[in-house]
Protein backbone atom coordinates (compact mmCIF):
# COMPACT_ATOMS: atom_id res chain seq x y z
CA SER A 1 35.77 -77.85 -19.00
CA LEU A 2 38.66 -78.57 -20.46
CA TRP A 3 40.82 -79.28 -17.38
CA TYR A 4 37.90 -81.83 -16.21
CA ARG A 5 38.05 -83.43 -19.52
CA VAL A 6 41.44 -83.93 -19.40
CA LEU A 7 42.50 -84.43 -15.54
CA GLY A 8 38.53 -85.61 -14.55
CA GLU A 9 37.29 -85.37 -11.07
CA ASP A 10 40.23 -84.38 -9.29
CA CYS A 11 40.82 -81.53 -11.47
CA LEU A 12 40.45 -79.01 -8.48
CA ASP A 13 42.10 -81.32 -6.20
CA ILE A 14 45.28 -81.24 -8.58
CA ALA A 15 45.08 -77.69 -9.03
CA PHE A 16 44.77 -76.88 -4.81
CA ALA A 17 47.61 -79.46 -4.36
CA ALA A 18 49.75 -77.53 -7.09
CA ALA A 19 49.04 -74.00 -5.86
CA ARG A 20 49.68 -75.13 -2.00
CA ALA A 21 53.09 -76.95 -3.33
CA ALA A 22 54.39 -73.49 -5.41
CA ASP A 23 53.85 -71.64 -2.08
CA PRO A 24 52.86 -73.32 1.25
CA SER A 25 52.10 -70.14 2.78
CA ILE A 26 49.59 -68.62 1.08
CA SER A 27 45.92 -69.15 1.96
CA LEU A 28 43.66 -70.77 -0.91
CA PHE A 29 39.94 -69.97 -1.90
CA TYR A 30 37.56 -71.23 -3.66
CA ASN A 31 35.78 -68.21 -5.25
CA ASP A 32 32.58 -68.20 -7.43
CA TYR A 33 29.78 -65.45 -8.34
CA ASN A 34 25.65 -66.17 -7.22
CA THR A 35 26.84 -67.83 -4.09
CA THR A 36 25.84 -65.14 -1.33
CA SER A 37 22.53 -66.19 -0.49
CA VAL A 38 21.22 -70.27 0.29
CA ASN A 39 20.35 -71.30 -3.26
CA ILE A 40 20.70 -73.96 -5.30
CA LYS A 41 24.41 -73.03 -6.80
CA SER A 42 25.68 -72.03 -3.38
CA ASP A 43 24.49 -75.59 -2.15
CA ARG A 44 26.23 -77.18 -4.79
CA VAL A 45 29.29 -74.86 -3.88
CA PHE A 46 29.11 -76.14 -0.20
CA ASP A 47 29.01 -79.97 -0.78
CA LEU A 48 31.96 -79.27 -3.36
CA VAL A 49 34.18 -77.61 -0.66
CA GLN A 50 33.25 -80.09 1.59
CA LEU A 51 33.95 -82.97 -0.95
CA LEU A 52 37.40 -81.50 -2.01
CA ARG A 53 38.44 -81.30 1.84
CA ASN A 54 37.32 -84.44 2.66
CA ARG A 55 39.37 -85.83 -0.18
CA GLY A 56 42.48 -83.60 1.61
CA ALA A 57 42.28 -80.50 -0.93
CA PRO A 58 43.77 -77.86 0.72
CA VAL A 59 40.98 -75.47 0.44
CA ASP A 60 41.47 -72.62 3.49
CA GLY A 61 38.28 -70.59 2.40
CA VAL A 62 35.35 -69.70 0.08
CA GLY A 63 34.89 -66.53 -1.66
CA PHE A 64 31.69 -64.85 -2.49
CA GLN A 65 31.77 -62.73 -5.70
CA SER A 66 29.13 -60.16 -4.78
CA HIS A 67 27.91 -56.80 -5.72
CA PHE A 68 25.07 -55.60 -2.53
CA TRP A 69 23.36 -53.13 -3.32
CA SER A 70 20.75 -51.38 -0.79
CA HIS A 71 18.27 -53.83 -1.14
CA PRO A 72 20.06 -57.45 -1.97
CA GLY A 73 16.87 -59.28 -1.37
CA ASP A 74 16.78 -61.57 2.05
CA TRP A 75 19.62 -60.37 4.14
CA GLY A 76 18.63 -63.35 6.07
CA SER A 77 19.72 -66.04 3.65
CA VAL A 78 22.99 -63.99 2.84
CA VAL A 79 23.69 -64.28 7.04
CA GLU A 80 22.92 -67.75 7.49
CA ASN A 81 24.96 -68.90 3.76
CA PHE A 82 28.12 -67.22 5.50
CA ARG A 83 27.51 -68.64 8.63
CA ARG A 84 27.23 -72.36 7.66
CA PHE A 85 30.18 -72.12 4.95
CA GLY A 86 31.87 -70.51 8.07
CA GLU A 87 31.34 -72.92 10.42
CA SER A 88 32.26 -75.67 7.88
């Protein structure tokens, strides 16, 4: 992205810090799609959020942009994924 090319690897750290500085009372979330169940993308998001937090970025939570149908696939994977994010 443009932000990554200009600001480098710290672009998300900078964005979260700027948002917290603008309003210290708000909760800040990383939100993404296709991360509801355990998969390659959710693994990478999990690692990214851990990295951001370890570097001091004020990430308060993770949003899972999702559409649930009557049969979304593997509910166990969804529950496991939510559990691991919730425990981190």
